[in-house]
Amino acid sequence: MKNTENSFHFDPTKNRAETSDDIHQENLAVQACDALEAIYATGVYPEITVTRSWSRHNPVVSGEMASPATFRWFLQREMKKLIRLGAGIEIQPSRPCLALSDPRLFDQIDEEEWDITQKKMFLFSPERIELSLNRLEHYTGTDPRDFQRNILFTNYNMHIEVFRELFPDAKGPERDVQMPAFHAVLPDNQGFSLVNIGVGPSNAKTITDHVAVLRPDLIVMVGHCGGLRNHQEIGDFVLATGFMRRDKVLDEALPVGIPIIPNYVLNRFLMEALERHQFQYRLGTVFSTDNRNWEFMKRKTVEEIHQSRSVAIDMESATVATNGYRYRIPFATLLSVSDKPLHGKPKLSGPAVEFYAKSKREHLQVVIEAIQLTRQVHPEGLPNASIRATNEPLFGGPKD
């Protein structure tokens, strides 16, 4: 193994002992990440080349990386995994970083450029990573390096208030921003991040497009919804098992007919937390619309609600879930019923304020408790086989 500050080379055929010892694996992964960061600090994209003797069709896979320090926890985990399997790894400088003001930028971030015959190293180009990190800081007012592995999305500042009570030391923005984020930081990014994405599917798409480059272990929508069934009460929970995609913002990116199903393991832990606290909840399809005043076109919407057997309606859940699916991030949705628009209980100012005051703490605590359970059982991330594709990138997270 010959390494310098700006390169790294590991040949498993010459270092067999190091592929079987956990401490050596960890040390090698640390050295590999150090090399990535050292190269990037010189204004050059680092290139990783992985040689897998066991692969028949793609034994050698290479790719460039940007801002490796931002998600070092992820890269280090993936490097260690490859070393454990006996892969060879080489890291060296590639090409000068492209400025975000360079007119050539958008030629480098087209996600449709994918050769299914050749395995990719990463889901995203280095230019796409840098642009998304810059926009994350702009929208959330926080350093992307502070984002944790477990990311929650909400529509309301009240959930932010509860989050800050639960985590008094959480890092947050120091200026007014569109989608403020707060981070309960733990070593190795094992804490929680909560982002107030506001209302509507457009914001939900924007934030998940950019969060995806961080490769979080999971994302959860913690929102409110209209209950659509008679046997639901204000304050009951809805745990999504599927989505009716009437939000429309991702229709061109992913055909509407593709099933979008939450992560089974994460849903199971959410159910356990709900039942432990004896909260009333219902499983079922969530209908996401792009029309906040859908009641003004009631006949058409209700017909689709009946056809889809939906139990709740909101504006963001399907968007978050669809991007979780597209970007191979385990996802779930836990909503709380704030109104029953089809049963004479529309969302009105007075009752809504009373409901929010009662529900905000237990809602967030259930999700955090469920995620803590997942971390105990799956410390290296949730299995994501259900959202992996045949052209999955090499660095893709857990592959159970």
Protein backbone atom coordinates (compact mmCIF):
# COMPACT_ATOMS: atom_id res chain seq x y z
CA MET A 1 0.00 0.00 0.00
CA LYS A 2 1.58 3.30 -1.18
CA ASN A 3 -0.12 6.43 0.10
CA THR A 4 0.70 10.11 0.10
CA GLU A 5 -1.34 13.05 1.31
CA ASN A 6 -2.87 13.46 -2.14
CA SER A 7 -3.32 9.80 -3.08
CA PHE A 8 -4.37 6.48 -1.63
CA HIS A 9 -3.85 2.97 -2.92
CA PHE A 10 -4.97 -0.26 -1.32
CA ASP A 11 -4.29 -3.60 -3.00
CA PRO A 12 -6.02 -6.46 -1.13
CA THR A 13 -3.76 -9.08 -2.74
CA LYS A 14 -0.76 -7.50 -0.97
CA ASN A 15 -2.51 -6.64 2.28
CA ARG A 16 -4.72 -9.64 3.00
CA ALA A 17 -4.51 -9.33 6.78
CA GLU A 18 -5.91 -5.82 6.65
CA THR A 19 -9.10 -6.97 4.91
CA SER A 20 -10.02 -9.27 7.80
CA ASP A 21 -9.20 -7.07 10.81
CA ASP A 22 -11.84 -4.53 11.83
CA ILE A 23 -9.36 -2.00 13.22
CA HIS A 24 -7.27 -2.12 10.06
CA GLN A 25 -10.39 -1.76 7.93
CA GLU A 26 -11.39 1.33 9.88
CA ASN A 27 -7.90 2.84 9.69
CA LEU A 28 -7.75 2.29 5.95
CA ALA A 29 -11.16 3.90 5.49
CA VAL A 30 -9.99 6.89 7.52
CA GLN A 31 -6.86 7.22 5.36
CA ALA A 32 -8.95 7.00 2.19
CA CYS A 33 -11.24 9.82 3.37
CA ASP A 34 -8.24 11.90 4.42
CA ALA A 35 -6.88 11.55 0.88
CA LEU A 36 -10.23 12.57 -0.64
CA GLU A 37 -10.34 15.71 1.49
CA ALA A 38 -6.71 16.60 0.85
CA ILE A 39 -7.17 16.40 -2.91
CA TYR A 40 -10.40 18.42 -2.83
CA ALA A 41 -8.71 21.10 -0.72
CA THR A 42 -6.36 21.78 -3.67
CA GLY A 43 -9.31 22.73 -5.91
CA VAL A 44 -9.40 19.41 -7.73
CA TYR A 45 -12.07 16.70 -7.76
CA PRO A 46 -10.75 13.44 -6.29
CA GLU A 47 -11.38 10.29 -8.31
CA ILE A 48 -12.05 6.93 -6.68
CA THR A 49 -11.35 3.71 -8.55
CA VAL A 50 -12.62 0.47 -7.04
CA THR A 51 -11.50 -2.92 -8.32
CA ARG A 52 -13.79 -5.84 -7.46
CA SER A 53 -12.35 -9.17 -8.52
CA TRP A 54 -15.69 -10.88 -7.93
CA SER A 55 -17.61 -8.76 -10.45
CA ARG A 56 -17.96 -10.33 -13.89
CA HIS A 57 -19.39 -7.37 -15.83
CA ASN A 58 -18.08 -4.30 -13.97
CA PRO A 59 -14.93 -5.29 -12.08
CA VAL A 60 -13.53 -1.74 -12.18
CA VAL A 61 -15.74 1.21 -11.24
CA SER A 62 -14.55 4.81 -10.97
CA GLY A 63 -16.08 8.17 -10.23
CA GLU A 64 -15.40 11.70 -9.03
CA MET A 65 -16.43 13.23 -5.73
CA ALA A 66 -16.93 16.76 -4.38
CA SER A 67 -16.90 18.11 -0.83
CA PRO A 68 -16.09 14.73 0.77
CA ALA A 69 -15.87 16.22 4.28
CA THR A 70 -19.59 17.07 4.19
CA PHE A 71 -20.66 13.42 4.33
CA ARG A 72 -17.48 11.79 5.54
CA TRP A 73 -19.47 9.43 7.75
CA PHE A 74 -21.07 7.94 4.63
CA LEU A 75 -17.88 7.67 2.59
CA GLN A 76 -15.96 6.15 5.47
CA ARG A 77 -18.66 3.54 6.00
CA GLU A 78 -18.73 2.64 2.30
CA MET A 79 -14.93 2.46 2.06
CA LYS A 80 -14.72 0.16 5.06
CA LYS A 81 -17.40 -2.07 3.58
CA LEU A 82 -15.51 -2.41 0.30
CA ILE A 83 -12.21 -3.10 2.04
CA ARG A 84 -13.89 -5.78 4.15
CA LEU A 85 -15.14 -7.43 0.95
CA GLY A 86 -11.61 -7.45 -0.47
CA ALA A 87 -11.94 -4.65 -3.02
CA GLY A 88 -8.96 -2.66 -4.23
CA ILE A 89 -9.23 1.12 -3.84
CA GLU A 90 -7.25 3.88 -5.52
CA ILE A 91 -7.78 7.61 -4.93
CA GLN A 92 -6.05 10.28 -6.97
CA PRO A 93 -6.62 13.81 -8.34
CA SER A 94 -8.93 14.04 -11.37
CA ARG A 95 -9.68 17.52 -12.82
CA PRO A 96 -10.04 21.09 -11.56
CA CYS A 97 -13.30 21.85 -9.77
CA LEU A 98 -15.85 23.67 -11.91
CA ALA A 99 -17.01 27.01 -10.50
CA LEU A 100 -20.73 27.26 -9.82
CA SER A 101 -20.72 30.37 -12.02
CA ASP A 102 -19.25 28.47 -14.98
CA PRO A 103 -21.69 28.25 -17.95
CA ARG A 104 -20.70 24.60 -18.40
CA LEU A 105 -22.12 23.68 -14.98
CA PHE A 106 -25.53 22.51 -16.13
CA ASP A 107 -23.99 20.26 -18.78
CA GLN A 108 -22.46 18.29 -15.90
CA ILE A 109 -25.49 17.78 -13.67
CA ASP A 110 -28.03 16.18 -16.00
CA GLU A 111 -29.38 13.18 -14.09
CA GLU A 112 -30.62 11.55 -17.28
CA GLU A 113 -27.05 10.85 -18.40
CA TRP A 114 -26.82 7.25 -17.21
CA ASP A 115 -25.38 4.30 -19.12
CA ILE A 116 -27.15 1.22 -17.70
CA THR A 117 -24.38 -1.03 -19.02
CA GLN A 118 -21.76 0.68 -16.84
CA LYS A 119 -22.05 0.79 -13.06
CA LYS A 120 -21.75 4.25 -11.53
CA MET A 121 -19.75 5.09 -8.43
CA PHE A 122 -22.20 7.70 -7.13
CA LEU A 123 -25.74 8.82 -7.88
CA PHE A 124 -24.57 12.40 -8.46
CA SER A 125 -21.83 14.19 -10.35
CA PRO A 126 -19.45 16.37 -8.30
CA GLU A 127 -20.99 19.49 -9.84
CA ARG A 128 -24.47 18.38 -8.79
CA ILE A 129 -23.19 17.75 -5.25
CA GLU A 130 -21.62 21.20 -4.97
CA LEU A 131 -24.69 22.98 -6.34
CA SER A 132 -27.03 21.14 -3.96
CA LEU A 133 -24.81 21.82 -0.95
CA ASN A 134 -24.78 25.51 -1.83
CA ARG A 135 -28.56 25.58 -2.17
CA LEU A 136 -29.04 23.66 1.07
CA GLU A 137 -27.12 26.35 2.91
CA HIS A 138 -29.14 29.04 1.13
CA TYR A 139 -32.55 27.53 1.86
CA THR A 140 -31.96 26.19 5.38
CA GLY A 141 -29.46 28.76 6.71
CA THR A 142 -27.22 26.01 8.08
CA ASP A 143 -23.96 24.33 7.15
CA PRO A 144 -24.66 21.12 5.16
CA ARG A 145 -22.03 19.39 7.31
CA ASP A 146 -24.39 19.76 10.28
CA PHE A 147 -27.11 17.68 8.65
CA GLN A 148 -27.52 14.37 10.44
CA ARG A 149 -28.27 10.90 9.11
CA ASN A 150 -31.91 11.08 10.24
CA ILE A 151 -33.83 13.91 8.57
CA LEU A 152 -37.38 14.98 9.43
CA PHE A 153 -39.56 17.37 7.46
CA THR A 154 -42.40 19.45 8.88
CA ASN A 155 -44.70 22.26 7.74
CA TYR A 156 -44.90 24.07 11.02
CA ASN A 157 -42.71 26.16 13.27
CA MET A 158 -44.35 24.57 16.31
CA HIS A 159 -42.50 21.33 15.58
CA ILE A 160 -39.30 23.35 15.46
CA GLU A 161 -40.16 24.74 18.90
CA VAL A 162 -40.64 21.24 20.33
CA PHE A 163 -37.45 20.03 18.66
CA ARG A 164 -35.47 22.86 20.29
CA GLU A 165 -37.01 22.01 23.66
CA LEU A 166 -35.99 18.37 23.24
CA PHE A 167 -32.54 19.33 21.95
CA PRO A 168 -31.56 22.70 23.53
CA ASP A 169 -28.12 22.62 21.91
CA ALA A 170 -29.47 22.08 18.38
CA LYS A 171 -27.75 24.15 15.71
CA GLY A 172 -29.98 26.42 13.65
CA PRO A 173 -29.93 29.37 11.24
CA GLU A 174 -28.75 32.80 12.31
CA ARG A 175 -30.85 34.61 9.70
CA ASP A 176 -34.32 34.42 8.18
CA VAL A 177 -34.46 31.73 5.53
CA GLN A 178 -37.11 29.98 3.46
CA MET A 179 -36.78 26.51 5.02
CA PRO A 180 -35.04 26.77 8.42
CA ALA A 181 -33.27 23.65 9.64
CA PHE A 182 -32.18 22.61 13.12
CA HIS A 183 -29.67 19.89 13.89
CA ALA A 184 -29.28 17.82 17.05
CA VAL A 185 -25.68 16.88 16.33
CA LEU A 186 -24.18 13.60 17.53
CA PRO A 187 -20.79 12.01 16.73
CA ASP A 188 -20.61 10.41 13.29
CA ASN A 189 -23.74 12.40 12.29
CA GLN A 190 -26.01 9.98 14.13
CA GLY A 191 -28.33 12.71 15.45
CA PHE A 192 -31.47 14.30 14.02
CA SER A 193 -32.18 17.15 11.63
CA LEU A 194 -35.57 18.85 11.32
CA VAL A 195 -36.43 21.12 8.39
CA ASN A 196 -39.52 23.32 8.19
CA ILE A 197 -40.23 23.03 4.48
CA GLY A 198 -43.37 25.17 4.52
CA VAL A 199 -46.48 24.24 2.57
CA GLY A 200 -46.78 22.65 -0.85
CA PRO A 201 -45.20 19.98 -3.05
CA SER A 202 -42.84 22.40 -4.80
CA ASN A 203 -40.92 23.08 -1.59
CA ALA A 204 -40.98 19.37 -0.75
CA LYS A 205 -39.34 18.55 -4.08
CA THR A 206 -36.77 21.33 -3.76
CA ILE A 207 -35.50 20.29 -0.35
CA THR A 208 -35.43 16.56 -1.07
CA ASP A 209 -33.61 17.11 -4.38
CA HIS A 210 -30.78 18.70 -2.43
CA VAL A 211 -30.86 16.65 0.79
CA ALA A 212 -30.42 13.53 -1.35
CA VAL A 213 -26.75 14.30 -2.05
CA LEU A 214 -26.03 13.95 1.69
CA ARG A 215 -27.06 10.24 1.52
CA PRO A 216 -29.06 10.24 4.78
CA ASP A 217 -30.07 6.96 6.37
CA LEU A 218 -33.74 7.94 6.32
CA ILE A 219 -36.22 10.77 5.79
CA VAL A 220 -39.61 11.13 7.50
CA MET A 221 -42.48 13.50 6.77
CA VAL A 222 -43.99 14.72 10.06
CA GLY A 223 -47.08 16.62 8.95
CA HIS A 224 -50.79 17.17 9.31
CA CYS A 225 -53.57 15.93 7.12
CA GLY A 226 -57.28 15.94 6.53
CA GLY A 227 -58.88 12.71 7.72
CA LEU A 228 -61.07 11.19 5.01
CA ARG A 229 -62.80 8.39 6.91
CA ASN A 230 -65.74 8.67 9.28
CA HIS A 231 -64.05 6.63 12.00
CA GLN A 232 -61.18 9.05 12.49
CA GLU A 233 -60.93 11.71 15.14
CA ILE A 234 -59.01 14.98 15.26
CA GLY A 235 -55.58 14.11 16.65
CA ASP A 236 -55.51 10.53 15.35
CA PHE A 237 -52.39 9.51 13.46
CA VAL A 238 -52.07 8.24 9.90
CA LEU A 239 -49.14 6.00 9.02
CA ALA A 240 -48.83 5.96 5.24
CA THR A 241 -48.58 2.62 3.45
CA GLY A 242 -48.87 4.15 -0.02
CA PHE A 243 -49.50 7.42 -1.85
CA MET A 244 -51.89 8.82 -4.41
CA ARG A 245 -49.68 11.18 -6.42
CA ARG A 246 -51.85 14.14 -7.33
CA ASP A 247 -49.09 16.59 -6.38
CA LYS A 248 -47.85 16.41 -10.03
CA VAL A 249 -44.41 17.97 -9.49
CA LEU A 250 -42.48 14.75 -10.15
CA ASP A 251 -44.67 13.29 -12.89
CA GLU A 252 -42.06 13.93 -15.58
CA ALA A 253 -39.23 12.53 -13.46
CA LEU A 254 -41.02 9.30 -12.49
CA PRO A 255 -44.14 7.80 -14.11
CA VAL A 256 -47.21 8.07 -11.89
CA GLY A 257 -47.95 4.35 -12.20
CA ILE A 258 -44.81 3.26 -10.33
CA PRO A 259 -45.67 2.06 -6.79
CA ILE A 260 -44.18 4.23 -4.03
CA ILE A 261 -44.12 2.23 -0.78
CA PRO A 262 -42.61 3.39 2.55
CA ASN A 263 -39.79 1.45 4.14
CA TYR A 264 -41.35 -1.55 5.87
CA VAL A 265 -38.85 -1.69 8.74
CA LEU A 266 -39.20 2.01 9.52
CA ASN A 267 -43.00 1.73 9.41
CA ARG A 268 -42.85 -1.22 11.79
CA PHE A 269 -40.89 0.80 14.35
CA LEU A 270 -43.29 3.71 13.96
CA MET A 271 -46.19 1.32 14.65
CA GLU A 272 -44.42 0.00 17.74
CA ALA A 273 -43.95 3.54 19.07
CA LEU A 274 -47.58 4.45 18.39
CA GLU A 275 -48.85 1.32 20.11
CA ARG A 276 -46.52 1.74 23.06
CA HIS A 277 -48.12 5.11 23.75
CA GLN A 278 -51.58 3.74 22.91
CA PHE A 279 -52.18 6.42 20.29
CA GLN A 280 -55.00 5.94 17.82
CA TYR A 281 -53.74 5.52 14.27
CA ARG A 282 -54.75 4.21 10.89
CA LEU A 283 -52.74 2.64 8.08
CA GLY A 284 -53.52 3.51 4.50
CA THR A 285 -53.00 5.59 1.37
CA VAL A 286 -52.28 9.30 1.63
CA PHE A 287 -53.68 11.48 -1.15
CA SER A 288 -51.27 14.37 -1.90
CA THR A 289 -52.63 17.28 -3.93
CA ASP A 290 -51.10 20.44 -5.34
CA ASN A 291 -54.36 22.34 -4.74
CA ARG A 292 -54.79 23.66 -1.21
CA ASN A 293 -58.36 24.62 -2.07
CA TRP A 294 -59.29 21.26 -3.51
CA GLU A 295 -62.66 21.56 -1.76
CA PHE A 296 -63.62 24.09 -4.44
CA MET A 297 -63.43 21.20 -6.96
CA LYS A 298 -64.87 18.66 -4.57
CA ARG A 299 -66.65 16.27 -6.95
CA LYS A 300 -63.59 15.37 -9.01
CA THR A 301 -61.26 15.13 -6.02
CA VAL A 302 -63.64 13.02 -3.94
CA GLU A 303 -64.09 10.63 -6.86
CA GLU A 304 -60.30 10.08 -6.94
CA ILE A 305 -60.21 9.76 -3.15
CA HIS A 306 -62.79 6.97 -3.31
CA GLN A 307 -61.02 5.22 -6.19
CA SER A 308 -57.68 5.29 -4.35
CA ARG A 309 -59.20 4.24 -0.98
CA SER A 310 -57.23 7.10 0.60
CA VAL A 311 -57.54 7.68 4.33
CA ALA A 312 -55.91 11.13 4.48
CA ILE A 313 -55.15 14.13 2.27
CA ASP A 314 -52.19 16.52 2.38
CA MET A 315 -49.86 18.40 0.02
CA GLU A 316 -46.33 17.10 0.59
CA SER A 317 -46.16 13.44 1.61
CA ALA A 318 -46.22 11.89 -1.85
CA THR A 319 -43.55 14.32 -3.06
CA VAL A 320 -41.16 13.52 -0.21
CA ALA A 321 -41.80 9.80 -0.63
CA THR A 322 -41.33 9.85 -4.41
CA ASN A 323 -38.00 11.62 -4.16
CA GLY A 324 -36.99 9.21 -1.40
CA TYR A 325 -37.74 6.41 -3.85
CA ARG A 326 -35.94 8.11 -6.75
CA TYR A 327 -32.83 8.76 -4.70
CA ARG A 328 -32.77 5.43 -2.82
CA ILE A 329 -33.38 6.90 0.66
CA PRO A 330 -35.57 4.89 3.08
CA PHE A 331 -38.65 6.99 3.85
CA ALA A 332 -41.84 7.06 5.89
CA THR A 333 -44.75 9.40 6.60
CA LEU A 334 -46.52 9.93 9.91
CA LEU A 335 -49.35 12.46 9.80
CA SER A 336 -51.77 13.75 12.41
CA VAL A 337 -55.40 14.42 11.53
CA SER A 338 -56.07 18.16 11.95
CA ASP A 339 -59.46 18.33 10.22
CA LYS A 340 -62.13 16.19 8.52
CA PRO A 341 -63.15 18.17 5.45
CA LEU A 342 -65.70 15.61 4.21
CA HIS A 343 -67.43 15.31 7.57
CA GLY A 344 -68.29 18.88 8.54
CA LYS A 345 -65.00 19.59 10.27
CA PRO A 346 -62.93 21.83 7.96
CA LYS A 347 -59.67 23.32 9.14
CA LEU A 348 -60.72 26.51 10.93
CA SER A 349 -58.45 28.88 12.81
CA GLY A 350 -59.71 28.39 16.39
CA PRO A 351 -59.97 24.57 16.53
CA ALA A 352 -56.73 24.21 14.56
CA VAL A 353 -54.75 26.22 17.11
CA GLU A 354 -56.16 24.10 19.94
CA PHE A 355 -55.30 20.88 18.08
CA TYR A 356 -51.75 22.00 17.33
CA ALA A 357 -51.08 22.79 20.98
CA LYS A 358 -52.18 19.31 22.05
CA SER A 359 -50.52 17.24 19.32
CA LYS A 360 -47.19 18.83 18.49
CA ARG A 361 -45.04 17.23 21.20
CA GLU A 362 -46.34 13.66 21.03
CA HIS A 363 -46.14 13.70 17.22
CA LEU A 364 -42.45 14.55 17.11
CA GLN A 365 -41.56 12.33 20.05
CA VAL A 366 -43.12 9.26 18.42
CA VAL A 367 -41.02 9.73 15.29
CA ILE A 368 -37.79 10.33 17.22
CA GLU A 369 -38.45 7.30 19.41
CA ALA A 370 -39.05 5.11 16.36
CA ILE A 371 -35.83 6.29 14.72
CA GLN A 372 -33.89 5.55 17.90
CA LEU A 373 -35.24 2.00 17.71
CA THR A 374 -34.08 1.68 14.11
CA ARG A 375 -30.60 2.83 15.06
CA GLN A 376 -30.37 0.14 17.73
CA VAL A 377 -31.32 -2.63 15.31
CA HIS A 378 -29.70 -1.19 12.16
CA PRO A 379 -26.79 1.03 13.29
CA GLU A 380 -25.36 1.15 9.76
CA GLY A 381 -28.60 2.22 8.12
CA LEU A 382 -31.93 0.67 7.16
CA PRO A 383 -32.06 -2.07 4.52
CA ASN A 384 -32.97 -0.44 1.22
CA ALA A 385 -33.32 -3.39 -1.15
CA SER A 386 -36.90 -2.35 -1.99
CA ILE A 387 -35.75 0.92 -3.56
CA ARG A 388 -32.56 -0.28 -5.24
CA ALA A 389 -32.38 -0.50 -9.01
CA THR A 390 -30.53 -2.79 -11.41
CA ASN A 391 -28.22 0.13 -12.25
CA GLU A 392 -27.56 0.94 -8.60
CA PRO A 393 -24.43 3.02 -7.86
CA LEU A 394 -21.59 1.33 -6.04
CA PHE A 395 -21.79 3.80 -3.14
CA GLY A 396 -25.43 3.29 -2.32
CA GLY A 397 -25.77 2.50 1.38
CA PRO A 398 -27.04 -0.70 3.03
CA LYS A 399 -27.86 -3.48 0.54
CA ASP A 400 -29.82 -6.10 2.48
